[in-house]
Amino acid sequence: MTDFHQEGIITTLHSLYEIFDREEYLAGLEQKLEEYSRHLKISLLLPCLYSELLNPSVLDHILDEIEKVRYLRSVVVALGGTSGETDFKMAKEYFGRLCTPERDMKIVWVDGPKILNIFNDIKGREIPTGVQGKGQSVWIALGYLFAREDCDVIALHDCDIVTYDRILLGRLIEPTANPNNEFEFCKGYFPRISLEERAMKGRVTRLFVMPFVDTMSQIMHGRGLNELESFFSYHRAFSYPLAGEFSFTSRLARGINIAYDWGLEVSTLSEVYHRVISRKIAQISLTRNYEHKHQTLSPDDMTRGLHRMVVDISKFYLNYLRSHGVALSDAFVDMIRQTYYQNALRFVKNYSDDAEVNNLAFDRYEEELTLRHFRDFLWTAWEQIKKHQEDTQIPSWNRVLYSIPDIYANLLDAVDADNA
């Protein structure tokens, strides 16, 4: 039965509770998490753009749900995209309702002057910190959490989830907080169906990442590169590798590098792959459907939308191949992109059949046209990394601490001063 299917590389935790009463399940889930929180400290990290505060219909509901939970020791908001102190003060007031006598709330003002000074200090030691974006915001906020020394488990999710509820949050945290299992990392997954359009979403996952890693696993197998075959098979095992929702132990989080571009999610999976044995990795079904803002394709602008996303993800995977002993050339990359395209056409046929039996709208012409764009974006990524060979990962906080022993004290001072 597919409801119980285990792929084999990692553990999959299904939504079997949905056949029972949801409120009863939620009460039991939160009761367990409250018990766990007596023995370990759970923190929630929220990367948030200031523009998301201007969409209160979504963010208000997310905060309403978080307010009701009693198992979080702290909430840290990584705030970016502000235009000055007025924006920051508004955000402090807005998120302030999450602070209670039992739960701390702090905002890391990513583009504020105090945090920018810390970035400059780190760069002064020739440690790359990337560019502004979600990855950099997550990285600096993780550093602040480590500096506090009061969290054992960290959960992270986006702030634009239209279908957010406390079950999603509790299920995201439970596997890594549960002392009765061994999980150190848990990735969320979910279906992406537009209720308005009655159509499949998640185009980059469906049409690029999944057929690409499937293709690479086959290519590496054919060339006898067993380690790389295992690596891509591991990525293939995740139902939604681009999900921005995951939880992990603080001990693991301290040691992983963080990508500062759209490669953040696949980079994080790769870091976990090299640091954790597979039985300590899980993926969990978070919700019956997941709705958030959709990116445009932007075929003529490589700095925006799905265009930039596919280029950044491609750059990560191509750089990974180069750094693990594969000599890339124009001919080899062209073979990859053409093989990917042919394999992806088979995926489109599968999606078409799935949509047909579920009475969903499915434009096969548009899907195949998107594939051709993604194939071209893959070549764009190759052209970029031939010219600029720098890595897109920010070193782990364990690494930074070696070079700047007082970095945690500086972070605490900066965030506390901003939030005073």
Protein backbone atom coordinates (compact mmCIF):
# COMPACT_ATOMS: atom_id res chain seq x y z
CA MET A 1 0.00 0.00 0.00
CA THR A 2 1.46 3.37 -1.00
CA ASP A 3 0.34 4.98 2.27
CA PHE A 4 3.02 2.97 4.05
CA HIS A 5 5.67 3.05 1.33
CA GLN A 6 9.28 3.44 2.50
CA GLU A 7 11.76 4.31 -0.25
CA GLY A 8 14.62 2.78 1.71
CA ILE A 9 17.37 5.42 1.84
CA ILE A 10 15.67 7.66 4.40
CA THR A 11 12.64 7.22 6.65
CA THR A 12 9.33 8.63 5.39
CA LEU A 13 6.76 9.68 7.99
CA HIS A 14 3.28 9.73 6.45
CA SER A 15 0.05 11.60 7.25
CA LEU A 16 -1.81 8.53 8.45
CA TYR A 17 -3.48 10.61 11.19
CA GLU A 18 -5.74 12.26 8.58
CA ILE A 19 -8.25 9.42 8.66
CA PHE A 20 -8.93 10.25 12.33
CA ASP A 21 -10.10 13.40 14.15
CA ARG A 22 -7.66 16.29 13.47
CA GLU A 23 -8.34 18.18 16.69
CA GLU A 24 -7.77 15.07 18.76
CA TYR A 25 -4.53 14.44 16.89
CA LEU A 26 -3.36 18.04 17.38
CA ALA A 27 -4.03 17.89 21.11
CA GLY A 28 -2.02 14.69 21.46
CA LEU A 29 0.81 16.01 19.28
CA GLU A 30 1.18 19.22 21.28
CA GLN A 31 0.95 17.36 24.56
CA LYS A 32 3.91 15.22 23.49
CA LEU A 33 5.91 18.25 22.38
CA GLU A 34 5.22 20.06 25.65
CA GLU A 35 6.54 17.03 27.50
CA TYR A 36 9.66 16.92 25.30
CA SER A 37 10.21 20.65 25.88
CA ARG A 38 10.68 20.03 29.59
CA HIS A 39 13.90 18.22 28.78
CA LEU A 40 15.16 20.06 25.69
CA LYS A 41 14.88 23.55 24.28
CA ILE A 42 13.08 24.05 20.97
CA SER A 43 13.55 27.17 18.83
CA LEU A 44 11.77 28.36 15.70
CA LEU A 45 13.66 30.35 13.07
CA LEU A 46 11.57 32.47 10.69
CA PRO A 47 13.32 34.02 7.68
CA CYS A 48 11.13 36.96 6.74
CA LEU A 49 11.24 39.84 4.28
CA TYR A 50 9.81 43.15 5.41
CA SER A 51 7.47 43.02 2.40
CA GLU A 52 5.79 39.97 3.95
CA LEU A 53 4.60 42.16 6.83
CA LEU A 54 2.65 44.07 4.22
CA ASN A 55 0.64 40.90 3.46
CA PRO A 56 -0.99 40.50 6.89
CA SER A 57 -3.71 38.16 5.69
CA VAL A 58 -1.06 35.42 5.52
CA LEU A 59 1.44 36.39 8.22
CA ASP A 60 -1.22 37.33 10.79
CA HIS A 61 -2.60 33.80 10.61
CA ILE A 62 0.87 32.25 10.98
CA LEU A 63 1.55 34.31 14.11
CA ASP A 64 -1.91 33.53 15.49
CA GLU A 65 -1.08 29.83 15.29
CA ILE A 66 2.44 30.19 16.76
CA GLU A 67 1.04 32.21 19.69
CA LYS A 68 -1.02 29.20 20.75
CA VAL A 69 1.87 26.74 21.13
CA ARG A 70 3.56 26.25 24.49
CA TYR A 71 6.56 24.12 23.60
CA LEU A 72 8.77 26.76 21.95
CA ARG A 73 11.53 28.23 24.10
CA SER A 74 12.31 30.98 21.58
CA VAL A 75 11.35 32.43 18.21
CA VAL A 76 14.04 34.18 16.15
CA VAL A 77 12.99 36.23 13.13
CA ALA A 78 15.66 36.82 10.49
CA LEU A 79 14.39 40.10 9.04
CA GLY A 80 15.65 41.34 5.68
CA GLY A 81 14.56 43.79 3.02
CA THR A 82 14.09 46.79 5.32
CA SER A 83 14.71 50.36 4.19
CA GLY A 84 15.61 51.82 7.58
CA GLU A 85 15.01 51.92 11.29
CA THR A 86 11.32 52.75 10.91
CA ASP A 87 10.73 49.41 9.17
CA PHE A 88 12.64 47.58 11.89
CA LYS A 89 10.66 49.24 14.68
CA MET A 90 7.43 48.29 12.95
CA ALA A 91 8.61 44.68 12.69
CA LYS A 92 9.57 44.63 16.39
CA GLU A 93 6.10 45.78 17.32
CA TYR A 94 4.46 43.35 14.92
CA PHE A 95 6.32 40.24 16.07
CA GLY A 96 6.32 41.34 19.71
CA ARG A 97 3.12 39.43 20.40
CA LEU A 98 5.09 36.18 20.16
CA CYS A 99 7.00 37.09 23.33
CA THR A 100 5.65 35.59 26.55
CA PRO A 101 7.13 34.91 30.01
CA GLU A 102 7.87 31.36 28.80
CA ARG A 103 8.92 32.17 25.21
CA ASP A 104 11.51 34.67 24.07
CA MET A 105 11.30 36.48 20.73
CA LYS A 106 14.15 38.30 19.04
CA ILE A 107 14.59 39.85 15.61
CA VAL A 108 17.93 39.61 13.84
CA TRP A 109 17.95 42.76 11.71
CA VAL A 110 19.97 41.35 8.85
CA ASP A 111 20.49 44.62 6.98
CA GLY A 112 20.73 46.78 10.10
CA PRO A 113 24.01 48.64 10.81
CA LYS A 114 25.08 46.47 13.76
CA ILE A 115 24.71 43.18 11.87
CA LEU A 116 26.32 44.69 8.77
CA ASN A 117 29.34 45.57 10.93
CA ILE A 118 29.55 41.95 12.00
CA PHE A 119 29.44 40.84 8.37
CA ASN A 120 32.29 43.24 7.63
CA ASP A 121 34.33 41.84 10.52
CA ILE A 122 33.85 38.32 9.21
CA LYS A 123 34.77 39.34 5.67
CA GLY A 124 37.87 41.00 7.10
CA ARG A 125 39.08 37.52 8.07
CA GLU A 126 38.60 36.45 4.43
CA ILE A 127 35.55 34.34 5.29
CA PRO A 128 32.85 34.64 2.60
CA THR A 129 29.37 35.63 3.77
CA GLY A 130 27.61 35.62 0.40
CA VAL A 131 25.03 38.20 -0.63
CA GLN A 132 21.76 39.32 0.90
CA GLY A 133 19.00 36.76 0.63
CA LYS A 134 17.27 33.98 2.50
CA GLY A 135 20.41 31.85 2.83
CA GLN A 136 22.48 34.64 4.36
CA SER A 137 19.61 35.57 6.70
CA VAL A 138 19.25 31.97 7.88
CA TRP A 139 23.01 31.70 8.42
CA ILE A 140 23.37 34.82 10.58
CA ALA A 141 20.25 33.95 12.60
CA LEU A 142 21.64 30.47 13.25
CA GLY A 143 24.82 32.10 14.54
CA TYR A 144 22.75 34.15 16.98
CA LEU A 145 20.91 31.02 18.17
CA PHE A 146 24.20 29.23 18.77
CA ALA A 147 25.51 32.27 20.65
CA ARG A 148 22.54 32.05 23.03
CA GLU A 149 23.39 28.45 23.92
CA ASP A 150 19.77 27.75 24.79
CA CYS A 151 18.45 25.60 21.95
CA ASP A 152 18.72 21.88 21.26
CA VAL A 153 16.36 21.61 18.27
CA ILE A 154 15.79 24.26 15.61
CA ALA A 155 12.86 24.33 13.19
CA LEU A 156 12.70 26.60 10.16
CA HIS A 157 9.82 27.52 7.87
CA ASP A 158 8.88 30.31 5.50
CA CYS A 159 6.52 33.20 6.28
CA ASP A 160 4.33 33.03 3.18
CA ILE A 161 2.45 29.76 3.87
CA VAL A 162 -1.21 30.38 3.09
CA THR A 163 -2.31 26.97 4.43
CA TYR A 164 -0.35 27.19 7.71
CA ASP A 165 -1.58 25.56 10.92
CA ARG A 166 -0.21 24.20 14.19
CA ILE A 167 -0.24 20.64 12.93
CA LEU A 168 2.30 21.64 10.28
CA LEU A 169 4.55 23.21 12.94
CA GLY A 170 4.20 20.35 15.40
CA ARG A 171 4.85 17.64 12.82
CA LEU A 172 7.89 19.54 11.52
CA ILE A 173 9.43 19.53 14.99
CA GLU A 174 8.33 16.20 16.47
CA PRO A 175 10.79 13.83 14.74
CA THR A 176 13.94 15.71 15.84
CA ALA A 177 12.56 16.60 19.28
CA ASN A 178 11.35 13.10 20.10
CA PRO A 179 13.90 11.50 22.46
CA ASN A 180 12.65 8.03 21.53
CA ASN A 181 14.09 8.10 18.02
CA GLU A 182 17.44 8.97 16.43
CA PHE A 183 16.53 11.64 13.89
CA GLU A 184 18.91 14.59 13.63
CA PHE A 185 17.37 16.10 10.50
CA CYS A 186 13.80 16.11 9.23
CA LYS A 187 12.62 17.59 5.93
CA GLY A 188 9.02 18.54 5.36
CA TYR A 189 7.11 17.62 2.21
CA PHE A 190 3.61 18.22 0.90
CA PRO A 191 1.50 18.30 -2.29
CA ARG A 192 1.37 21.61 -4.17
CA ILE A 193 -2.07 21.95 -5.76
CA SER A 194 -3.60 25.31 -6.64
CA LEU A 195 -7.18 25.27 -5.39
CA GLU A 196 -8.15 28.13 -7.69
CA GLU A 197 -6.64 26.62 -10.84
CA ARG A 198 -7.12 22.97 -9.81
CA ALA A 199 -3.61 22.35 -11.13
CA MET A 200 -0.22 21.06 -10.00
CA LYS A 201 2.35 23.62 -8.88
CA GLY A 202 5.94 23.17 -7.69
CA ARG A 203 7.35 23.40 -11.20
CA VAL A 204 11.04 23.55 -10.29
CA THR A 205 10.73 20.46 -8.12
CA ARG A 206 8.59 18.50 -10.58
CA LEU A 207 10.18 19.54 -13.85
CA PHE A 208 13.78 20.21 -12.93
CA VAL A 209 15.13 18.83 -9.66
CA MET A 210 13.44 15.43 -9.66
CA PRO A 211 14.17 14.49 -13.30
CA PHE A 212 17.65 16.04 -13.02
CA VAL A 213 18.79 14.04 -9.97
CA ASP A 214 17.17 10.95 -11.45
CA THR A 215 19.15 11.53 -14.65
CA MET A 216 22.39 12.14 -12.77
CA SER A 217 21.96 8.97 -10.75
CA GLN A 218 21.66 7.00 -13.99
CA ILE A 219 24.65 8.74 -15.61
CA MET A 220 26.85 8.19 -12.56
CA HIS A 221 25.80 4.53 -12.43
CA GLY A 222 26.70 4.07 -16.09
CA ARG A 223 30.16 5.54 -15.48
CA GLY A 224 30.81 3.43 -12.39
CA LEU A 225 30.89 6.46 -10.07
CA ASN A 226 29.20 4.72 -7.16
CA GLU A 227 29.63 7.48 -4.57
CA LEU A 228 28.06 10.07 -6.85
CA GLU A 229 25.30 7.65 -7.82
CA SER A 230 24.48 7.25 -4.11
CA PHE A 231 24.53 11.02 -3.64
CA PHE A 232 21.99 11.67 -6.40
CA SER A 233 19.86 8.69 -5.35
CA TYR A 234 19.70 10.22 -1.88
CA HIS A 235 18.37 13.49 -3.34
CA ARG A 236 15.90 11.49 -5.44
CA ALA A 237 14.53 9.91 -2.25
CA PHE A 238 13.04 13.20 -1.01
CA SER A 239 9.48 13.86 -2.06
CA TYR A 240 9.96 17.63 -2.12
CA PRO A 241 13.66 18.54 -1.92
CA LEU A 242 12.98 22.28 -2.38
CA ALA A 243 10.69 22.55 0.63
CA GLY A 244 11.83 25.38 2.90
CA GLU A 245 10.57 23.60 6.01
CA PHE A 246 12.92 21.43 8.06
CA SER A 247 14.13 20.83 11.60
CA PHE A 248 17.51 19.69 12.87
CA THR A 249 19.53 19.37 16.04
CA SER A 250 21.72 22.28 17.05
CA ARG A 251 24.76 20.02 17.09
CA LEU A 252 24.25 19.19 13.41
CA ALA A 253 23.36 22.77 12.48
CA ARG A 254 26.62 24.15 13.91
CA GLY A 255 28.66 22.09 11.48
CA ILE A 256 26.93 22.63 8.13
CA ASN A 257 27.70 25.17 5.44
CA ILE A 258 24.78 27.29 4.22
CA ALA A 259 24.20 28.29 0.60
CA TYR A 260 23.29 31.95 0.23
CA ASP A 261 21.38 31.64 -3.07
CA TRP A 262 18.45 29.57 -4.32
CA GLY A 263 20.60 26.47 -3.85
CA LEU A 264 19.95 26.69 -0.08
CA GLU A 265 17.64 23.68 0.15
CA VAL A 266 19.60 21.23 -2.02
CA SER A 267 22.84 22.42 -0.46
CA THR A 268 21.46 21.73 3.02
CA LEU A 269 20.40 18.22 1.96
CA SER A 270 23.92 17.66 0.66
CA GLU A 271 25.54 18.89 3.88
CA VAL A 272 23.33 16.55 5.89
CA TYR A 273 24.23 13.68 3.54
CA HIS A 274 27.91 14.02 4.41
CA ARG A 275 27.41 14.43 8.16
CA VAL A 276 24.57 12.13 9.19
CA ILE A 277 23.97 8.44 8.59
CA SER A 278 20.78 7.76 6.67
CA ARG A 279 18.84 6.20 9.55
CA LYS A 280 19.01 9.56 11.34
CA ILE A 281 17.39 11.42 8.42
CA ALA A 282 13.64 11.61 7.88
CA GLN A 283 11.08 13.36 5.72
CA ILE A 284 7.58 14.04 7.00
CA SER A 285 4.28 14.85 5.32
CA LEU A 286 3.27 18.19 6.84
CA THR A 287 -0.13 19.06 5.40
CA ARG A 288 -2.77 17.94 2.94
CA ASN A 289 -1.93 20.86 0.65
CA TYR A 290 0.61 23.67 0.69
CA GLU A 291 -0.08 27.03 -0.86
CA HIS A 292 2.28 30.00 -0.99
CA LYS A 293 3.31 32.69 -3.45
CA HIS A 294 4.26 31.44 -6.90
CA GLN A 295 7.31 32.62 -8.82
CA THR A 296 7.12 33.63 -12.48
CA LEU A 297 9.18 31.79 -15.08
CA SER A 298 11.07 34.96 -16.19
CA PRO A 299 12.65 33.31 -19.26
CA ASP A 300 14.36 36.55 -20.35
CA ASP A 301 15.65 37.65 -16.94
CA MET A 302 18.13 35.39 -15.18
CA THR A 303 17.98 37.47 -11.98
CA ARG A 304 14.35 36.69 -11.18
CA GLY A 305 11.81 33.94 -10.65
CA LEU A 306 12.20 30.34 -11.72
CA HIS A 307 14.99 31.34 -14.10
CA ARG A 308 17.26 32.38 -11.24
CA MET A 309 16.14 29.46 -9.10
CA VAL A 310 17.03 26.83 -11.71
CA VAL A 311 20.35 28.51 -12.52
CA ASP A 312 21.37 28.64 -8.85
CA ILE A 313 20.38 25.01 -8.22
CA SER A 314 22.18 23.90 -11.37
CA LYS A 315 25.32 25.77 -10.32
CA PHE A 316 25.30 23.96 -7.00
CA TYR A 317 25.02 20.51 -8.59
CA LEU A 318 27.62 21.24 -11.28
CA ASN A 319 30.05 22.64 -8.72
CA TYR A 320 29.43 19.56 -6.59
CA LEU A 321 30.40 17.32 -9.50
CA ARG A 322 33.60 19.31 -10.11
CA SER A 323 34.58 19.21 -6.46
CA HIS A 324 34.08 15.45 -6.34
CA GLY A 325 36.36 14.43 -9.14
CA VAL A 326 34.30 14.93 -12.31
CA ALA A 327 35.99 16.99 -15.03
CA LEU A 328 33.28 19.05 -16.67
CA SER A 329 33.43 20.21 -20.27
CA ASP A 330 31.04 21.73 -22.78
CA ALA A 331 30.41 18.31 -24.30
CA PHE A 332 29.79 16.62 -20.94
CA VAL A 333 27.39 19.31 -19.71
CA ASP A 334 25.57 19.27 -23.04
CA MET A 335 25.14 15.52 -22.69
CA ILE A 336 23.72 16.06 -19.17
CA ARG A 337 21.21 18.68 -20.32
CA GLN A 338 20.02 16.65 -23.32
CA THR A 339 19.67 13.49 -21.23
CA TYR A 340 17.86 15.45 -18.53
CA TYR A 341 15.44 16.81 -21.11
CA GLN A 342 14.55 13.38 -22.52
CA ASN A 343 14.11 11.97 -19.02
CA ALA A 344 12.00 14.95 -17.96
CA LEU A 345 9.61 14.36 -20.87
CA ARG A 346 8.80 11.00 -19.30
CA PHE A 347 8.10 12.75 -16.00
CA VAL A 348 5.69 15.09 -17.78
CA LYS A 349 3.81 12.08 -19.16
CA ASN A 350 3.50 10.71 -15.61
CA TYR A 351 2.22 14.06 -14.31
CA SER A 352 -0.27 14.23 -17.17
CA ASP A 353 -1.66 10.81 -16.32
CA ASP A 354 -1.82 11.72 -12.63
CA ALA A 355 -3.67 14.96 -13.40
CA GLU A 356 -6.09 13.16 -15.72
CA VAL A 357 -7.24 10.61 -13.17
CA ASN A 358 -7.56 13.34 -10.48
CA ASN A 359 -9.52 15.70 -12.77
CA LEU A 360 -6.86 18.41 -12.58
CA ALA A 361 -6.07 20.94 -15.28
CA PHE A 362 -2.83 20.07 -17.06
CA ASP A 363 -1.33 21.98 -19.99
CA ARG A 364 1.15 19.50 -21.43
CA TYR A 365 2.35 21.99 -24.03
CA GLU A 366 3.25 24.54 -21.34
CA GLU A 367 4.94 21.88 -19.24
CA GLU A 368 7.12 20.76 -22.13
CA LEU A 369 7.88 24.37 -23.05
CA THR A 370 8.99 24.96 -19.45
CA LEU A 371 11.28 21.94 -19.76
CA ARG A 372 12.99 23.51 -22.76
CA HIS A 373 13.54 26.69 -20.78
CA PHE A 374 14.97 24.71 -17.85
CA ARG A 375 17.29 22.86 -20.24
CA ASP A 376 18.58 26.24 -21.46
CA PHE A 377 18.87 27.58 -17.89
CA LEU A 378 21.13 24.61 -17.12
CA TRP A 379 23.49 25.75 -19.85
CA THR A 380 23.38 29.30 -18.49
CA ALA A 381 24.51 27.95 -15.14
CA TRP A 382 27.44 26.19 -16.80
CA GLU A 383 28.47 29.38 -18.59
CA GLN A 384 28.40 31.26 -15.30
CA ILE A 385 30.52 28.83 -13.32
CA LYS A 386 33.11 28.70 -16.12
CA LYS A 387 33.62 32.44 -15.61
CA HIS A 388 33.13 32.64 -11.83
CA GLN A 389 34.31 29.59 -9.95
CA GLU A 390 33.62 30.76 -6.41
CA ASP A 391 31.55 28.60 -4.07
CA THR A 392 28.05 29.72 -3.08
CA GLN A 393 28.25 28.35 0.46
CA ILE A 394 28.93 30.28 3.65
CA PRO A 395 31.21 28.32 6.01
CA SER A 396 29.70 26.65 9.07
CA TRP A 397 29.66 28.46 12.40
CA ASN A 398 32.07 25.87 13.79
CA ARG A 399 34.51 27.07 11.14
CA VAL A 400 33.88 30.78 11.78
CA LEU A 401 34.42 30.33 15.51
CA TYR A 402 37.97 29.10 14.88
CA SER A 403 38.86 32.37 13.15
CA ILE A 404 36.85 34.78 15.32
CA PRO A 405 36.59 33.42 18.90
CA ASP A 406 34.53 36.39 20.12
CA ILE A 407 32.01 36.29 17.26
CA TYR A 408 29.20 34.92 19.41
CA ALA A 409 29.62 37.66 22.02
CA ASN A 410 29.54 40.26 19.25
CA LEU A 411 26.36 38.76 17.80
CA LEU A 412 24.64 38.72 21.18
CA ASP A 413 25.55 42.36 21.79
CA ALA A 414 24.32 43.44 18.34
CA VAL A 415 20.96 41.63 18.49
CA ASP A 416 20.29 42.57 22.10
CA ALA A 417 21.06 46.22 21.33
CA ASP A 418 18.72 46.22 18.34
CA ASN A 419 15.93 44.60 20.34
CA ALA A 420 16.36 46.67 23.50
